[in-house]
Amino acid sequence: MPSQSEDRAISPVIGAALMIVIIVALAATVGVMALGISDSLQAPPPFAASEESVEVAIQGNETRHTLEVVHRGGDPVDADALTTTVDVGGRTVSIPATESDAGALNDGRWSVGERLTLDLNESVLCAGDADSASITLTYRGDGGTGYELSTQTVPIERGQFVIDGAEVRATAPYTANVKFVGTGWSAPNREAYVNVTVSVDDALEHAWRMVGDSDTLVGAYGVSRQESGTSLEIGAAGQQRQCSFFFGCTTSWVRVSSTDNTDNVRVYRDGDDAPDFGGADEQQSAAAYVDPYVENGSISLRDNQAIYLFDFNDDNHDYQDAVVLVSFFTQQDRPGVYESRERNVVLCPSETRSASANGNENGNGNDA
């Protein structure tokens, strides 16, 4: 990737008449998301399905997680004939409608406007390592034949953080360990330096400064306990020298922030496709550099980790200029539905957690 400067720093490093609404209420989140129906509404007696409409709305509180089903239109239904099935990674849990505690079925019928509220512990959705859950509402008539009224698939991610562009936000109180994995930012005839900073809510916490070409771990820093939603910003800057015949050579810094310069940062989590960015002459590919974090073509991290890849150029990004690995540690389990990378997902607790509410025994986040 050529540069306008004569002495460009380079890097081998990265970066129915029946309408049914199913409501999943998990954790302390408010919002609405529409998910596609993976199977069309069926038309069992006594229904004549004429419209597809399945919507998931997020509501609830921190201690109770429920699945709510609302009858929007059509004939009343015998309560005993309705079952909701949750399938996660081959594990299937059936919840009879009669287990609803909403009082909607006191007359034995489910009528228009009535809402069923079924307890749904996060252990159902978060069991195993599945990346999606299938939720199906089934009607079984007197003949014993079952009819699927609606089916939808909900994506699942693990780890108590979400990714918004290049910004990573924890969804529960956390500590963090930030590792400056390495940098190969360099110039043909001189040393080119890199700075990496760690900030919490815009306040600088730590910095590695004037780091030269390095393909080994530069250092690690522990972030003390922070509340959920507190922003953790990783910044990087690369030193450049520009020369001209008339003015000689000048040195400047190209600064990249994980919250402000999203075009210059890529963030990956466990299971993402491994990067395959090509480098300029004398550069190795990003995939080669992150080989310790790649397995069978996918990023292989703990479920509480994210890896940042920085690029210091204005265009033709190859994301090979600085690498930072962040590990989040939480003790509170707060499953919920969140927007992550422009889609709504069920976010399950991380399997990798701290033994202490404040991170490690010292509360400084250095658990990794």
Protein backbone atom coordinates (compact mmCIF):
# COMPACT_ATOMS: atom_id res chain seq x y z
CA MET A 1 0.00 0.00 0.00
CA PRO A 2 1.98 2.98 -1.27
CA SER A 3 2.08 6.26 0.62
CA GLN A 4 2.55 9.85 -0.43
CA SER A 5 5.57 10.32 1.78
CA GLU A 6 8.98 9.48 0.47
CA ASP A 7 9.87 7.61 3.62
CA ARG A 8 6.75 5.59 4.43
CA ALA A 9 6.49 3.55 7.54
CA ILE A 10 5.46 -0.02 6.83
CA SER A 11 4.21 -2.81 9.01
CA PRO A 12 3.86 -6.60 9.05
CA VAL A 13 1.30 -6.26 11.89
CA ILE A 14 -2.54 -6.12 12.08
CA GLY A 15 -5.63 -5.72 13.18
CA ALA A 16 -53.53 -15.68 10.39
CA ALA A 17 -56.56 -14.32 10.58
CA LEU A 18 -54.00 -15.12 13.28
CA MET A 19 -51.14 -12.79 14.07
CA ILE A 20 -48.70 -13.77 16.78
CA VAL A 21 -46.07 -11.70 18.51
CA ILE A 22 -43.34 -13.52 20.40
CA ILE A 23 -41.63 -11.32 22.98
CA VAL A 24 -38.33 -12.36 24.49
CA ALA A 25 -37.66 -10.42 27.68
CA LEU A 26 -34.14 -10.83 28.97
CA ALA A 27 -32.20 -8.61 31.37
CA ALA A 28 -32.44 -4.88 31.95
CA THR A 29 -32.73 -3.77 28.34
CA VAL A 30 -35.42 -1.84 26.52
CA GLY A 31 -35.80 -1.84 22.76
CA VAL A 32 -37.48 -3.54 19.84
CA MET A 33 -36.09 -5.70 17.10
CA ALA A 34 -37.77 -7.40 14.16
CA LEU A 35 -36.48 -10.83 13.24
CA GLY A 36 -37.30 -12.66 10.03
CA ILE A 37 -39.53 -15.70 10.14
CA SER A 38 -37.48 -18.70 9.13
CA ASP A 39 -40.62 -20.69 8.27
CA SER A 40 -43.93 -19.37 6.95
CA LEU A 41 -46.96 -19.29 9.18
CA GLN A 42 -48.96 -22.49 8.79
CA ALA A 43 -52.75 -22.68 8.58
CA PRO A 44 -54.12 -25.28 11.01
CA PRO A 45 -57.79 -25.45 11.93
CA PRO A 46 -59.40 -23.32 13.20
CA PHE A 47 -57.07 -20.73 11.67
CA ALA A 48 -56.72 -19.37 8.18
CA ALA A 49 -53.29 -17.79 8.24
CA SER A 50 -53.27 -14.74 6.01
CA GLU A 51 -50.39 -12.63 7.32
CA GLU A 52 -46.89 -13.20 8.61
CA SER A 53 -45.98 -11.13 11.63
CA VAL A 54 -43.45 -12.06 14.27
CA GLU A 55 -41.80 -9.37 16.34
CA VAL A 56 -39.37 -9.58 19.23
CA ALA A 57 -39.44 -6.79 21.80
CA ILE A 58 -36.89 -6.49 24.56
CA GLN A 59 -38.05 -5.61 28.04
CA GLY A 60 -37.91 -7.00 31.54
CA ASN A 61 -35.54 -6.70 34.49
CA GLU A 62 -32.27 -8.04 35.79
CA THR A 63 -33.64 -10.99 37.71
CA ARG A 64 -36.49 -12.37 35.63
CA HIS A 65 -36.33 -13.51 32.03
CA THR A 66 -39.53 -14.38 30.20
CA LEU A 67 -40.93 -15.40 26.86
CA GLU A 68 -44.19 -13.61 26.11
CA VAL A 69 -46.64 -14.64 23.40
CA VAL A 70 -49.45 -12.29 22.34
CA HIS A 71 -52.58 -13.30 20.39
CA ARG A 72 -53.11 -10.46 17.90
CA GLY A 73 -56.09 -11.68 15.89
CA GLY A 74 -58.29 -14.65 14.96
CA ASP A 75 -60.34 -17.24 16.80
CA PRO A 76 -59.79 -18.27 20.41
CA VAL A 77 -57.47 -21.25 20.88
CA ASP A 78 -57.62 -24.09 23.39
CA ALA A 79 -54.79 -23.44 25.81
CA ASP A 80 -53.88 -27.11 26.04
CA ALA A 81 -53.16 -27.15 22.29
CA LEU A 82 -50.34 -24.57 22.39
CA THR A 83 -46.66 -25.24 23.07
CA THR A 84 -43.58 -23.06 22.69
CA THR A 85 -40.36 -24.92 21.85
CA VAL A 86 -36.86 -23.52 22.25
CA ASP A 87 -34.11 -25.41 20.41
CA VAL A 88 -30.50 -24.49 21.15
CA GLY A 89 -27.68 -26.61 19.78
CA GLY A 90 -29.84 -29.74 19.64
CA ARG A 91 -31.17 -29.24 23.15
CA THR A 92 -34.94 -28.78 23.01
CA VAL A 93 -37.11 -27.37 25.77
CA SER A 94 -40.91 -27.32 25.43
CA ILE A 95 -42.97 -24.86 27.44
CA PRO A 96 -46.75 -25.55 27.53
CA ALA A 97 -48.89 -22.44 27.29
CA THR A 98 -50.72 -23.57 30.41
CA GLU A 99 -47.60 -22.71 32.42
CA SER A 100 -48.27 -19.03 31.81
CA ASP A 101 -48.70 -16.97 34.94
CA ALA A 102 -50.47 -14.06 33.25
CA GLY A 103 -54.00 -15.22 34.04
CA ALA A 104 -54.82 -15.12 30.34
CA LEU A 105 -55.91 -18.76 30.26
CA ASN A 106 -58.22 -18.85 33.27
CA ASP A 107 -61.10 -19.80 30.98
CA GLY A 108 -59.02 -22.45 29.21
CA ARG A 109 -58.94 -20.41 26.01
CA TRP A 110 -56.39 -18.07 24.49
CA SER A 111 -58.23 -15.13 22.95
CA VAL A 112 -57.32 -12.02 21.00
CA GLY A 113 -55.33 -9.54 23.07
CA GLU A 114 -54.34 -12.04 25.74
CA ARG A 115 -50.66 -12.30 26.62
CA LEU A 116 -48.95 -15.48 27.81
CA THR A 117 -45.91 -15.00 30.05
CA LEU A 118 -43.63 -18.04 30.31
CA ASP A 119 -40.52 -18.20 32.47
CA LEU A 120 -37.43 -18.68 30.35
CA ASN A 121 -34.22 -19.05 32.32
CA GLU A 122 -31.08 -18.01 30.50
CA SER A 123 -29.72 -21.53 30.97
CA VAL A 124 -32.04 -22.57 28.15
CA LEU A 125 -30.75 -20.05 25.62
CA CYS A 126 -27.17 -19.99 26.86
CA ALA A 127 -26.56 -23.73 27.25
CA GLY A 128 -23.72 -25.21 25.23
CA ASP A 129 -21.90 -23.32 22.53
CA ALA A 130 -24.64 -22.83 19.91
CA ASP A 131 -24.57 -19.60 17.89
CA SER A 132 -28.37 -19.38 17.47
CA ALA A 133 -31.65 -20.43 19.06
CA SER A 134 -34.83 -21.48 17.28
CA ILE A 135 -38.14 -20.49 18.92
CA THR A 136 -41.29 -22.20 17.61
CA LEU A 137 -44.96 -21.81 18.57
CA THR A 138 -46.94 -24.99 17.82
CA TYR A 139 -50.70 -25.76 17.77
CA ARG A 140 -51.71 -29.40 18.25
CA GLY A 141 -55.39 -30.12 17.57
CA ASP A 142 -57.65 -32.98 18.61
CA GLY A 143 -56.24 -35.22 15.90
CA GLY A 144 -52.78 -35.02 17.39
CA THR A 145 -51.25 -33.33 14.33
CA GLY A 146 -48.93 -30.48 15.17
CA TYR A 147 -48.89 -27.23 13.19
CA GLU A 148 -46.14 -24.65 13.45
CA LEU A 149 -47.74 -21.24 13.80
CA SER A 150 -44.40 -19.45 13.61
CA THR A 151 -40.67 -20.10 13.85
CA GLN A 152 -37.85 -17.62 14.22
CA THR A 153 -34.10 -17.84 14.73
CA VAL A 154 -32.32 -15.65 17.26
CA PRO A 155 -28.50 -15.22 16.95
CA ILE A 156 -26.43 -15.91 20.09
CA GLU A 157 -23.08 -14.39 21.03
CA ARG A 158 -21.06 -15.05 24.16
CA GLY A 159 -19.09 -12.66 26.32
CA GLN A 160 -20.38 -9.63 28.16
CA PHE A 161 -19.56 -7.10 25.45
CA VAL A 162 -20.95 -5.86 22.17
CA ILE A 163 -19.18 -4.45 19.12
CA ASP A 164 -20.44 -1.21 17.57
CA GLY A 165 -18.27 -0.39 14.59
CA ALA A 166 -14.80 -0.38 16.11
CA GLU A 167 -16.05 0.38 19.63
CA VAL A 168 -16.38 -2.38 22.21
CA ARG A 169 -18.77 -1.86 25.14
CA ALA A 170 -19.17 -4.11 28.17
CA THR A 171 -22.75 -4.92 29.19
CA ALA A 172 -21.98 -5.59 32.87
CA PRO A 173 -19.59 -4.14 35.46
CA TYR A 174 -16.11 -5.22 34.43
CA THR A 175 -12.38 -5.10 34.79
CA ALA A 176 -10.17 -5.44 31.73
CA ASN A 177 -6.70 -6.50 30.72
CA VAL A 178 -5.24 -4.65 27.72
CA LYS A 179 -2.27 -6.21 25.93
CA PHE A 180 -0.21 -4.34 23.36
CA VAL A 181 0.56 -7.42 21.30
CA GLY A 182 3.05 -5.87 18.91
CA THR A 183 3.83 -3.48 16.09
CA GLY A 184 5.84 -3.71 12.91
CA TRP A 185 5.40 -0.08 11.87
CA SER A 186 8.80 0.82 10.42
CA ALA A 187 10.65 2.80 7.79
CA PRO A 188 13.43 1.69 5.40
CA ASN A 189 16.21 3.87 6.82
CA ARG A 190 15.15 4.81 10.31
CA GLU A 191 13.15 3.78 13.36
CA ALA A 192 9.44 4.65 13.21
CA TYR A 193 7.66 4.71 16.54
CA VAL A 194 4.15 3.78 17.71
CA ASN A 195 2.13 4.99 20.70
CA VAL A 196 -0.83 3.04 22.13
CA THR A 197 -3.17 4.53 24.74
CA VAL A 198 -5.90 3.16 27.02
CA SER A 199 -8.68 5.57 28.09
CA VAL A 200 -11.82 5.13 30.20
CA ASP A 201 -14.63 7.61 29.52
CA ASP A 202 -12.13 9.90 27.74
CA ALA A 203 -9.72 9.89 30.70
CA LEU A 204 -6.25 8.54 29.91
CA GLU A 205 -5.42 5.47 31.98
CA HIS A 206 -2.19 4.21 30.46
CA ALA A 207 0.11 4.70 27.48
CA TRP A 208 2.95 2.88 25.76
CA ARG A 209 5.04 5.50 23.99
CA MET A 210 7.82 5.50 21.42
CA VAL A 211 7.65 1.76 20.79
CA GLY A 212 9.79 0.58 17.91
CA ASP A 213 9.25 -2.31 15.52
CA SER A 214 8.24 -5.29 17.64
CA ASP A 215 6.66 -8.63 16.88
CA THR A 216 6.63 -9.68 20.53
CA LEU A 217 4.40 -8.60 23.41
CA VAL A 218 5.10 -4.98 24.30
CA GLY A 219 3.22 -4.93 27.61
CA ALA A 220 -0.07 -5.35 29.48
CA TYR A 221 -2.19 -3.03 31.61
CA GLY A 222 -5.06 -3.81 33.99
CA VAL A 223 -8.14 -1.57 34.04
CA SER A 224 -9.80 -1.40 37.46
CA ARG A 225 -13.50 -2.06 38.00
CA GLN A 226 -15.84 -0.02 35.80
CA GLU A 227 -19.62 0.11 35.54
CA SER A 228 -21.44 -1.36 32.56
CA GLY A 229 -21.66 1.04 29.65
CA THR A 230 -18.41 2.77 30.59
CA SER A 231 -16.47 3.30 27.39
CA LEU A 232 -13.05 1.71 27.02
CA GLU A 233 -11.16 3.43 24.23
CA ILE A 234 -8.01 2.07 22.63
CA GLY A 235 -5.97 4.55 20.62
CA ALA A 236 -2.87 4.17 18.48
CA ALA A 237 -0.56 6.59 16.70
CA GLY A 238 2.17 6.00 14.15
CA GLN A 239 5.10 8.29 13.47
CA GLN A 240 5.64 9.38 9.86
CA ARG A 241 8.31 11.46 8.13
CA GLN A 242 7.59 13.46 5.01
CA CYS A 243 10.37 14.98 2.94
CA SER A 244 10.48 17.53 0.14
CA PHE A 245 13.28 19.11 -1.86
CA PHE A 246 12.49 22.62 -0.63
CA PHE A 247 11.50 22.10 2.99
CA GLY A 248 13.48 19.06 4.00
CA CYS A 249 11.96 16.41 6.25
CA THR A 250 9.30 16.82 8.94
CA THR A 251 7.96 14.30 11.45
CA SER A 252 4.28 13.94 12.31
CA TRP A 253 1.95 11.50 14.05
CA VAL A 254 -1.08 9.74 12.56
CA ARG A 255 -3.58 9.14 15.36
CA VAL A 256 -6.30 6.47 15.27
CA SER A 257 -9.04 5.97 17.89
CA SER A 258 -11.32 2.97 18.30
CA THR A 259 -14.23 5.36 18.86
CA ASP A 260 -13.48 8.11 16.32
CA ASN A 261 -11.63 6.57 13.37
CA THR A 262 -13.66 3.48 12.63
CA ASP A 263 -12.33 3.21 9.06
CA ASN A 264 -8.84 2.72 10.47
CA VAL A 265 -9.69 0.01 13.00
CA ARG A 266 -11.07 -3.50 12.74
CA VAL A 267 -12.27 -5.44 15.79
CA TYR A 268 -12.68 -9.22 15.86
CA ARG A 269 -14.06 -11.65 18.41
CA ASP A 270 -14.00 -15.43 18.74
CA GLY A 271 -15.46 -17.21 15.72
CA ASP A 272 -15.05 -14.35 13.23
CA ASP A 273 -13.43 -15.14 9.90
CA ALA A 274 -9.70 -14.60 10.08
CA PRO A 275 -8.45 -11.49 8.30
CA ASP A 276 -6.78 -11.94 4.95
CA PHE A 277 -5.46 -8.48 4.16
CA GLY A 278 -2.63 -8.22 1.66
CA GLY A 279 0.36 -6.10 2.58
CA ALA A 280 2.57 -3.82 0.53
CA ASP A 281 6.08 -4.84 -0.47
CA GLU A 282 8.11 -6.16 2.45
CA GLN A 283 4.94 -6.62 4.53
CA GLN A 284 3.63 -9.94 5.72
CA SER A 285 -0.11 -10.50 5.70
CA ALA A 286 -2.26 -9.77 8.73
CA ALA A 287 -3.37 -13.39 8.87
CA ALA A 288 0.25 -14.49 9.21
CA TYR A 289 0.86 -12.10 12.08
CA VAL A 290 -2.18 -13.22 14.10
CA ASP A 291 -1.47 -16.89 13.57
CA PRO A 292 -1.54 -17.55 17.35
CA TYR A 293 -5.15 -16.32 17.31
CA VAL A 294 -6.31 -18.25 14.23
CA GLU A 295 -7.66 -21.78 14.06
CA ASN A 296 -9.14 -23.40 10.95
CA GLY A 297 -9.63 -20.05 9.25
CA SER A 298 -11.43 -18.40 12.18
CA ILE A 299 -10.35 -16.07 14.96
CA SER A 300 -9.78 -18.17 18.07
CA LEU A 301 -10.06 -16.17 21.29
CA ARG A 302 -11.63 -16.62 24.67
CA ASP A 303 -15.25 -15.57 24.67
CA ASN A 304 -14.38 -12.51 26.76
CA GLN A 305 -11.75 -11.18 24.34
CA ALA A 306 -11.62 -8.81 21.39
CA ILE A 307 -8.63 -8.04 19.17
CA TYR A 308 -8.06 -4.62 17.58
CA LEU A 309 -6.20 -4.14 14.28
CA PHE A 310 -5.01 -0.60 13.49
CA ASP A 311 -3.99 1.09 10.24
CA PHE A 312 -2.35 4.52 10.09
CA ASN A 313 -3.00 5.40 6.44
CA ASP A 314 -5.69 7.56 4.86
CA ASP A 315 -6.80 4.91 2.36
CA ASN A 316 -5.94 1.45 1.04
CA HIS A 317 -6.01 0.12 4.58
CA ASP A 318 -4.29 -3.17 5.25
CA TYR A 319 -4.75 -3.09 9.06
CA GLN A 320 -1.23 -4.23 9.86
CA ASP A 321 0.16 -1.38 11.93
CA ALA A 322 -0.64 -2.21 15.59
CA VAL A 323 -2.35 -5.06 17.42
CA VAL A 324 -4.10 -4.79 20.80
CA LEU A 325 -5.90 -7.61 22.65
CA VAL A 326 -8.53 -6.72 25.30
CA SER A 327 -9.95 -9.21 27.83
CA PHE A 328 -13.09 -8.28 29.80
CA PHE A 329 -13.72 -9.85 33.20
CA THR A 330 -17.17 -9.77 34.80
CA GLN A 331 -18.67 -11.55 37.77
CA GLN A 332 -22.33 -10.67 37.29
CA ASP A 333 -24.25 -12.71 34.72
CA ARG A 334 -26.47 -10.40 32.70
CA PRO A 335 -27.85 -12.19 29.66
CA GLY A 336 -29.87 -10.00 27.39
CA VAL A 337 -30.65 -9.00 23.85
CA TYR A 338 -28.43 -6.27 22.49
CA GLU A 339 -27.49 -4.69 19.20
CA SER A 340 -24.05 -5.88 18.18
CA ARG A 341 -22.54 -5.13 14.78
CA GLU A 342 -25.85 -3.79 13.44
CA ARG A 343 -27.92 -6.83 14.38
CA ASN A 344 -29.77 -7.86 17.51
CA VAL A 345 -28.42 -10.89 19.34
CA VAL A 346 -28.92 -12.81 22.55
CA LEU A 347 -25.80 -12.06 24.57
CA CYS A 348 -24.93 -14.90 26.95
CA PRO A 349 -22.52 -14.65 29.88
CA SER A 350 -18.88 -15.39 29.23
CA GLU A 351 -17.48 -18.69 30.41
CA THR A 352 -14.27 -16.83 31.31
CA ARG A 353 -14.90 -14.80 34.43
CA SER A 354 -13.05 -13.25 37.32
CA ALA A 355 -13.15 -14.89 40.73
CA SER A 356 -13.42 -11.47 42.34
CA ALA A 357 -16.05 -8.78 41.91
CA ASN A 358 -13.22 -6.33 41.29
CA GLY A 359 -11.27 -8.43 38.80
CA ASN A 360 -8.48 -10.39 40.44
CA GLU A 361 -7.69 -10.27 44.12
CA ASN A 362 -6.09 -6.86 43.62
CA GLY A 363 -9.02 -5.54 41.62
CA ASN A 364 -6.79 -4.30 38.80
CA GLY A 365 -8.04 -6.42 35.92
CA ASN A 366 -4.83 -8.38 35.48
CA ASP A 367 -6.58 -11.74 35.38
CA ALA A 368 -5.28 -12.84 31.99
